[in-house]
N, C-alpha and C. Protein backbone atom coordinates (compact mmCIF):
# COMPACT_ATOMS: atom_id res chain seq x y z
N MET A 1 11.39 18.23 14.47
CA MET A 1 10.95 17.52 13.26
C MET A 1 9.33 17.91 12.81
N SER A 2 9.20 18.63 11.59
CA SER A 2 7.94 19.10 11.21
C SER A 2 6.92 17.93 11.29
N SER A 3 5.84 18.15 11.48
CA SER A 3 4.53 16.81 11.48
C SER A 3 4.55 16.18 10.06
N ASN A 4 4.81 16.87 8.87
CA ASN A 4 4.58 16.40 7.45
C ASN A 4 6.09 15.26 7.68
N LEU A 5 7.29 15.81 8.06
CA LEU A 5 8.04 14.78 7.89
C LEU A 5 8.01 13.64 9.08
N LEU A 6 7.65 13.90 10.41
CA LEU A 6 7.56 12.83 10.92
C LEU A 6 5.99 11.69 10.75
N TRP A 7 5.27 12.19 9.88
CA TRP A 7 4.33 11.46 9.39
C TRP A 7 4.84 10.79 8.18
N ILE A 8 5.58 11.32 7.54
CA ILE A 8 6.06 10.27 6.27
C ILE A 8 6.93 9.42 6.93
N PHE A 9 8.20 9.51 7.76
CA PHE A 9 8.85 8.52 8.47
C PHE A 9 8.10 7.67 9.07
N VAL A 10 7.01 7.89 9.92
CA VAL A 10 6.43 6.97 10.67
C VAL A 10 5.41 6.15 9.96
N LYS A 11 4.76 6.73 9.15
CA LYS A 11 3.69 6.06 8.23
C LYS A 11 4.04 5.24 6.71
N ILE A 12 5.25 5.79 6.40
CA ILE A 12 5.80 5.61 5.13
C ILE A 12 6.92 4.59 5.16
N VAL A 13 8.33 5.30 5.64
CA VAL A 13 9.79 5.03 5.38
C VAL A 13 9.75 3.50 6.55
N LEU A 14 9.03 3.69 7.53
CA LEU A 14 9.33 2.69 8.50
C LEU A 14 8.56 1.27 8.24
N PRO A 15 7.28 1.76 7.69
CA PRO A 15 6.58 0.25 7.47
C PRO A 15 7.05 -0.64 6.17
N LEU A 16 7.80 0.46 5.16
CA LEU A 16 8.63 -0.10 3.94
C LEU A 16 9.63 -0.70 4.25
N MET A 17 10.58 -0.39 5.34
CA MET A 17 11.98 -0.85 5.38
C MET A 17 11.89 -2.52 5.24
N PRO A 18 11.31 -3.21 5.54
CA PRO A 18 11.26 -4.77 5.13
C PRO A 18 11.32 -4.73 3.87
N ILE A 19 10.66 -4.22 3.11
CA ILE A 19 10.64 -4.24 1.69
C ILE A 19 12.36 -3.97 1.04
N VAL A 20 12.40 -2.51 1.55
CA VAL A 20 13.77 -1.93 1.26
C VAL A 20 15.01 -2.98 1.47
N ILE A 21 14.91 -3.46 2.74
CA ILE A 21 16.11 -4.49 3.09
C ILE A 21 16.09 -5.24 2.27
N ASN A 22 14.90 -6.12 1.82
CA ASN A 22 14.95 -7.32 0.91
C ASN A 22 15.69 -7.04 -0.23
N PHE A 23 15.18 -5.80 -0.94
CA PHE A 23 16.04 -5.45 -2.13
C PHE A 23 17.26 -5.15 -1.73
N ILE A 24 17.77 -4.67 -0.88
CA ILE A 24 19.29 -4.46 -0.63
C ILE A 24 19.94 -6.00 -0.54
N PHE A 25 19.48 -6.96 0.43
CA PHE A 25 19.75 -8.16 0.37
C PHE A 25 20.20 -8.76 -0.76
N ILE A 26 19.17 -8.97 -1.36
CA ILE A 26 19.23 -9.71 -2.94
C ILE A 26 19.96 -9.08 -3.95
N ARG A 27 20.44 -7.68 -3.90
CA ARG A 27 21.31 -7.23 -4.55
C ARG A 27 22.91 -7.62 -4.17
N ILE A 28 23.14 -7.49 -2.65
CA ILE A 28 24.25 -7.75 -2.21
C ILE A 28 24.47 -9.16 -2.51
N MET A 29 23.45 -10.29 -2.17
CA MET A 29 23.71 -11.68 -2.40
C MET A 29 23.89 -11.98 -3.99
N GLY A 30 23.80 -11.09 -4.72
CA GLY A 30 23.73 -11.36 -6.35
C GLY A 30 22.98 -12.24 -6.82
N SER A 31 21.68 -12.55 -6.39
CA SER A 31 20.39 -12.82 -6.92
C SER A 31 20.13 -12.55 -8.06
N ASP A 32 19.60 -13.45 -9.01
CA ASP A 32 19.19 -13.25 -10.24
C ASP A 32 17.86 -12.91 -10.65
N LYS A 33 17.20 -12.65 -9.12
CA LYS A 33 15.55 -12.24 -9.13
C LYS A 33 15.32 -11.03 -10.02
N LYS A 34 14.47 -10.92 -10.94
CA LYS A 34 13.76 -9.49 -10.96
C LYS A 34 12.95 -8.83 -9.92
N TRP A 35 13.08 -7.52 -10.17
CA TRP A 35 12.26 -6.73 -9.12
C TRP A 35 10.97 -6.97 -8.96
N TYR A 36 10.32 -7.39 -9.81
CA TYR A 36 8.66 -7.70 -9.77
C TYR A 36 8.73 -9.17 -9.10
N GLN A 37 9.75 -9.89 -9.23
CA GLN A 37 9.38 -11.21 -8.20
C GLN A 37 9.49 -11.20 -7.03
N ILE A 38 10.30 -10.10 -6.63
CA ILE A 38 10.33 -9.81 -5.06
C ILE A 38 9.11 -9.54 -4.35
N LEU A 39 8.31 -8.50 -5.45
CA LEU A 39 7.12 -8.04 -4.91
C LEU A 39 5.56 -8.77 -4.96
N THR A 40 5.97 -9.93 -5.59
CA THR A 40 4.86 -10.90 -5.76
C THR A 40 4.29 -11.52 -4.63
N GLY A 41 4.73 -11.41 -3.59
CA GLY A 41 4.30 -12.06 -2.35
C GLY A 41 3.11 -11.14 -1.59
N GLY A 42 2.73 -9.97 -2.17
CA GLY A 42 1.89 -8.97 -1.66
C GLY A 42 2.04 -8.09 -0.72
N GLU A 43 3.18 -7.86 -0.02
CA GLU A 43 3.83 -7.16 0.74
C GLU A 43 3.17 -5.72 0.69
N LEU A 44 3.18 -5.07 -0.35
CA LEU A 44 2.42 -3.85 -0.89
C LEU A 44 1.20 -3.77 -0.86
N PHE A 45 0.41 -4.53 -0.93
CA PHE A 45 -0.89 -4.58 -0.72
C PHE A 45 -1.34 -4.61 0.55
N ILE A 46 -0.55 -5.46 1.40
CA ILE A 46 -0.77 -5.44 2.93
C ILE A 46 -0.57 -3.88 3.37
N PHE A 47 0.72 -3.24 2.97
CA PHE A 47 0.78 -1.91 3.54
C PHE A 47 -0.19 -1.12 2.93
N SER A 48 -0.80 -1.13 1.64
CA SER A 48 -1.71 -0.14 1.18
C SER A 48 -2.92 -0.46 1.90
N THR A 49 -3.33 -1.47 2.28
CA THR A 49 -4.47 -1.91 3.12
C THR A 49 -4.38 -1.15 4.50
N THR A 50 -3.13 -1.23 5.20
CA THR A 50 -3.15 -0.59 6.46
C THR A 50 -3.20 0.60 6.48
N ILE A 51 -2.28 1.13 5.33
CA ILE A 51 -2.53 2.58 5.47
C ILE A 51 -3.96 3.51 5.07
N SER A 52 -4.45 2.86 4.32
CA SER A 52 -5.85 3.00 3.69
C SER A 52 -7.07 3.23 4.93
N ALA A 53 -6.81 1.69 5.59
CA ALA A 53 -7.41 1.67 6.79
C ALA A 53 -7.09 2.70 8.09
N SER A 54 -6.08 3.06 7.73
CA SER A 54 -5.65 4.21 9.22
C SER A 54 -6.00 5.33 8.78
N ALA A 55 -5.90 5.96 7.58
CA ALA A 55 -6.95 7.11 6.86
C ALA A 55 -8.04 7.03 7.06
N ILE A 56 -9.02 5.79 6.87
CA ILE A 56 -10.36 6.20 6.91
C ILE A 56 -10.64 6.14 8.59
N GLY A 57 -9.76 5.65 9.72
CA GLY A 57 -10.32 5.76 10.82
C GLY A 57 -9.65 7.02 11.41
N VAL A 58 -8.93 7.76 10.53
CA VAL A 58 -8.60 9.14 10.96
C VAL A 58 -10.17 10.04 10.71
N THR A 59 -10.63 9.64 9.45
CA THR A 59 -11.65 10.82 9.04
C THR A 59 -12.85 10.29 9.86
N PHE A 60 -12.99 8.96 10.22
CA PHE A 60 -14.29 8.52 11.11
C PHE A 60 -14.30 8.77 12.66
N PHE A 61 -12.81 9.06 12.91
CA PHE A 61 -12.94 9.45 14.49
C PHE A 61 -12.26 10.82 15.06
N GLN A 62 -11.27 11.33 14.06
CA GLN A 62 -10.40 12.55 14.22
C GLN A 62 -11.05 13.85 13.63
N GLY A 63 -11.81 13.59 12.48
CA GLY A 63 -12.16 14.86 11.85
C GLY A 63 -13.15 14.65 10.76
N THR A 64 -13.79 15.59 10.23
CA THR A 64 -14.91 15.42 9.28
C THR A 64 -13.99 16.00 8.01
N LEU A 65 -14.77 15.14 6.93
CA LEU A 65 -14.17 16.06 5.63
C LEU A 65 -15.71 16.77 5.13
N ASP A 66 -15.84 18.27 4.87
CA ASP A 66 -16.82 18.85 4.87
C ASP A 66 -16.78 19.42 3.11
N ASN A 67 -15.68 18.82 2.42
CA ASN A 67 -15.57 19.50 1.22
C ASN A 67 -15.86 18.28 0.11
N SER A 68 -15.82 18.89 -1.08
CA SER A 68 -16.29 17.66 -2.11
C SER A 68 -14.83 17.02 -2.48
N LEU A 69 -13.89 17.83 -2.46
CA LEU A 69 -12.59 17.15 -2.65
C LEU A 69 -12.07 16.04 -1.55
N GLY A 70 -12.15 16.21 -0.24
CA GLY A 70 -12.24 15.40 0.73
C GLY A 70 -13.13 14.33 0.51
N ASN A 71 -14.27 14.15 0.17
CA ASN A 71 -14.99 13.01 0.13
C ASN A 71 -14.79 12.03 -1.41
N LEU A 72 -13.87 13.22 -2.20
CA LEU A 72 -13.79 12.20 -3.50
C LEU A 72 -12.41 11.36 -3.02
N ILE A 73 -11.22 12.21 -2.25
CA ILE A 73 -10.20 11.45 -1.62
C ILE A 73 -10.88 10.23 -1.03
N PHE A 74 -11.46 10.55 -0.13
CA PHE A 74 -12.10 9.35 0.78
C PHE A 74 -12.57 8.16 -0.02
N CYS A 75 -13.40 8.48 -1.10
CA CYS A 75 -13.98 7.49 -1.50
C CYS A 75 -12.79 6.64 -2.54
N ILE A 76 -11.77 7.42 -3.01
CA ILE A 76 -10.40 6.50 -3.75
C ILE A 76 -9.83 6.07 -2.69
N LEU A 77 -9.87 6.47 -1.46
CA LEU A 77 -9.35 5.66 -0.51
C LEU A 77 -9.82 4.35 -0.12
N LEU A 78 -10.95 4.34 -0.32
CA LEU A 78 -11.99 3.36 0.00
C LEU A 78 -11.63 2.46 -1.00
N LEU A 79 -11.84 2.70 -2.19
CA LEU A 79 -11.43 1.92 -3.55
C LEU A 79 -10.17 1.04 -3.31
N THR A 80 -9.05 2.17 -3.03
CA THR A 80 -8.03 1.33 -2.96
C THR A 80 -8.03 0.50 -1.70
N LEU A 81 -8.19 0.41 -0.68
CA LEU A 81 -8.36 -0.66 0.49
C LEU A 81 -9.39 -1.94 -0.19
N ILE A 82 -10.32 -1.62 -1.01
CA ILE A 82 -11.13 -2.92 -1.56
C ILE A 82 -10.56 -3.39 -2.41
N PHE A 83 -9.52 -2.38 -3.49
CA PHE A 83 -8.94 -3.14 -4.43
C PHE A 83 -7.51 -3.92 -3.88
N SER A 84 -7.06 -3.47 -3.29
CA SER A 84 -5.57 -3.99 -2.60
C SER A 84 -5.79 -5.17 -1.56
N THR A 85 -7.21 -5.41 -0.90
CA THR A 85 -7.31 -6.32 -0.14
C THR A 85 -7.78 -7.42 -1.12
N SER A 86 -8.55 -7.45 -2.13
CA SER A 86 -9.15 -8.21 -3.13
C SER A 86 -7.87 -8.85 -3.87
N LEU A 87 -6.96 -8.14 -4.33
CA LEU A 87 -5.80 -8.41 -5.13
C LEU A 87 -4.94 -9.47 -4.36
N PHE A 88 -4.40 -9.01 -3.16
CA PHE A 88 -3.61 -9.51 -1.86
C PHE A 88 -4.33 -11.08 -1.79
N GLY A 89 -5.61 -11.05 -1.78
CA GLY A 89 -6.43 -12.26 -1.30
C GLY A 89 -6.36 -13.45 -2.59
N PHE A 90 -6.51 -12.71 -3.74
CA PHE A 90 -6.42 -13.42 -5.18
C PHE A 90 -5.19 -13.95 -5.31
N GLY A 91 -4.12 -13.10 -4.95
CA GLY A 91 -2.70 -13.60 -5.10
C GLY A 91 -2.46 -14.82 -3.97
N ARG A 92 -2.69 -14.53 -2.77
CA ARG A 92 -2.35 -15.49 -2.14
C ARG A 92 -3.23 -16.95 -1.96
N PHE A 93 -4.61 -16.68 -2.64
CA PHE A 93 -5.07 -17.91 -3.18
C PHE A 93 -4.29 -18.85 -4.51
N ILE A 94 -3.97 -18.05 -5.06
CA ILE A 94 -3.38 -18.50 -6.25
C ILE A 94 -2.07 -19.35 -6.12
N LYS A 95 -1.05 -18.35 -4.74
CA LYS A 95 -0.08 -19.22 -4.42
C LYS A 95 -0.13 -20.34 -3.51
N LEU A 96 -1.16 -20.47 -2.73
CA LEU A 96 -1.59 -21.46 -1.78
C LEU A 96 -2.00 -22.64 -2.66
N ASP A 97 -2.39 -22.65 -3.72
CA ASP A 97 -3.39 -23.65 -4.81
C ASP A 97 -2.61 -23.49 -6.14
N GLU A 98 -1.39 -23.37 -5.98
CA GLU A 98 -0.50 -23.71 -7.48
C GLU A 98 -0.63 -24.86 -7.90
N ASN A 99 -0.80 -26.09 -7.65
CA ASN A 99 -1.05 -27.34 -8.08
C ASN A 99 -2.10 -27.23 -9.04
N LYS A 100 -3.24 -26.65 -8.67
CA LYS A 100 -4.58 -26.98 -9.31
C LYS A 100 -4.41 -25.60 -10.36
N ILE A 101 -4.04 -24.39 -10.00
CA ILE A 101 -4.36 -23.28 -10.71
C ILE A 101 -3.29 -23.12 -11.65
N GLY A 102 -2.15 -23.35 -11.09
CA GLY A 102 -1.00 -22.27 -11.59
C GLY A 102 -0.23 -21.17 -11.12
N LYS A 103 0.56 -20.49 -11.59
CA LYS A 103 1.25 -19.75 -10.99
C LYS A 103 0.42 -18.27 -11.61
N ILE A 104 0.50 -17.21 -10.98
CA ILE A 104 0.14 -15.79 -11.60
C ILE A 104 0.57 -15.71 -12.95
N LYS A 105 -0.27 -15.45 -13.87
CA LYS A 105 0.26 -15.62 -15.16
C LYS A 105 1.05 -14.46 -15.42
N ASN A 106 0.90 -13.13 -14.58
CA ASN A 106 1.81 -11.86 -15.04
C ASN A 106 2.45 -11.18 -13.63
N GLU A 107 3.33 -11.66 -13.27
CA GLU A 107 3.98 -11.31 -12.08
C GLU A 107 4.17 -9.72 -11.95
N GLU A 108 4.59 -9.46 -13.20
CA GLU A 108 5.07 -8.16 -13.39
C GLU A 108 3.79 -7.49 -13.44
N LEU A 109 2.84 -7.64 -13.82
CA LEU A 109 1.59 -6.77 -13.62
C LEU A 109 0.78 -6.57 -12.13
N TYR A 110 1.01 -7.95 -11.77
CA TYR A 110 0.34 -7.93 -10.22
C TYR A 110 1.57 -7.09 -9.36
N ALA A 111 2.93 -7.31 -9.55
CA ALA A 111 3.72 -6.22 -8.88
C ALA A 111 3.61 -4.89 -8.68
N ILE A 112 3.26 -4.34 -10.49
CA ILE A 112 2.74 -2.95 -10.80
C ILE A 112 1.28 -2.24 -10.11
N ALA A 113 0.47 -3.39 -10.00
CA ALA A 113 -0.82 -3.21 -9.30
C ALA A 113 -0.30 -2.78 -7.89
N SER A 114 0.51 -3.95 -7.11
CA SER A 114 0.63 -3.25 -5.84
C SER A 114 1.64 -2.01 -5.73
N ILE A 115 2.20 -1.50 -6.25
CA ILE A 115 3.10 -0.38 -6.45
C ILE A 115 2.06 1.13 -6.79
N ALA A 116 0.94 0.40 -7.62
CA ALA A 116 -0.11 1.63 -8.07
C ALA A 116 -0.88 1.86 -6.63
N CYS A 117 -1.26 0.75 -5.78
CA CYS A 117 -2.53 0.65 -4.97
C CYS A 117 -1.35 1.43 -3.59
N ALA A 118 -0.16 1.11 -3.55
CA ALA A 118 0.47 1.64 -2.33
C ALA A 118 0.69 3.16 -2.57
N ILE A 119 0.79 3.52 -3.92
CA ILE A 119 1.05 5.19 -4.06
C ILE A 119 -0.39 5.83 -3.89
N ALA A 120 -1.44 5.22 -4.32
CA ALA A 120 -2.57 5.75 -4.21
C ALA A 120 -2.93 5.91 -2.76
N ALA A 121 -2.62 4.80 -1.73
CA ALA A 121 -2.84 4.79 -0.46
C ALA A 121 -1.85 5.92 0.22
N ILE A 122 -0.76 5.67 -0.22
CA ILE A 122 0.05 6.95 0.69
C ILE A 122 -0.23 8.57 0.18
N PHE A 123 -0.72 8.84 -0.93
CA PHE A 123 -1.08 9.97 -1.65
C PHE A 123 -2.73 10.35 -0.62
N CYS A 124 -3.49 9.49 -1.04
CA CYS A 124 -5.01 9.90 -0.41
C CYS A 124 -5.03 9.73 1.15
N SER A 125 -3.86 8.87 1.71
CA SER A 125 -3.78 8.86 3.18
C SER A 125 -3.04 10.38 3.61
N TYR A 126 -2.59 10.84 2.96
CA TYR A 126 -1.57 12.01 3.23
C TYR A 126 -2.75 13.33 3.09
N CYS A 127 -3.32 13.14 1.88
CA CYS A 127 -4.47 13.98 1.80
C CYS A 127 -5.67 14.31 2.73
N ILE A 128 -5.94 13.01 3.22
CA ILE A 128 -7.14 13.01 4.36
C ILE A 128 -6.47 13.52 5.76
N ASN A 129 -5.39 13.06 6.07
CA ASN A 129 -4.65 13.69 7.27
C ASN A 129 -4.52 15.00 7.04
N PHE A 130 -4.04 15.63 6.14
CA PHE A 130 -3.98 16.91 6.10
C PHE A 130 -5.46 17.58 6.06
N LEU A 131 -6.09 17.28 4.90
CA LEU A 131 -7.71 18.00 5.44
C LEU A 131 -8.60 17.76 6.61
N SER A 132 -8.19 16.56 7.34
CA SER A 132 -8.73 16.48 8.71
C SER A 132 -8.09 16.98 9.92
N GLY A 133 -7.04 17.88 9.41
CA GLY A 133 -5.89 18.63 10.42
C GLY A 133 -5.27 17.56 11.09
N THR A 134 -5.04 16.51 11.09
CA THR A 134 -3.79 15.64 11.79
C THR A 134 -2.48 16.13 11.69
N ILE A 135 -2.26 16.34 10.05
CA ILE A 135 -1.27 16.99 9.80
C ILE A 135 -1.26 18.29 9.50
N LYS A 136 -0.16 19.47 10.01
CA LYS A 136 -0.47 20.60 9.96
C LYS A 136 0.51 21.36 9.04
C-alpha cells in the first residue's frame, strides 16, 4: 500500500468511521432525522482539531517548511484549529445551557461549518505532510 493511501486510511477513514456508522444506523432504523441534525454534536470539529494539531506537530517535530506555500498552508491550518476548537466549545456551551440560552439557531449552518473545517483540515494536513516529506 502506498504511503498516500495509508495516510488517508489511517488519518481520515478510520477516525471518521463512527460518524459514517451513525449515518448508516440512522438510515437503517428509518429515523426521520435530517443530515445536519446528526452533525450538530460537534464530532467533525473534534476531528478537525485533531487532524490540524497532528499536522502542526509534524511541522514542528519532523520537518521544516522553507517555502511561502508551506507557510501559507500552515497559517490556514492554524486558523482551522482555532476556528474548529472555538465553534465546538461554543456549540457545547449552548447545548449544555439550553434552558437559559436556547438551541443553536441554525443547526444546518453549524453542520456546514463543521464539514468546512474538516475539509480544510484534511487538505491542509495532507499538504503539510507532503511538503515536510512525511508522505512521499
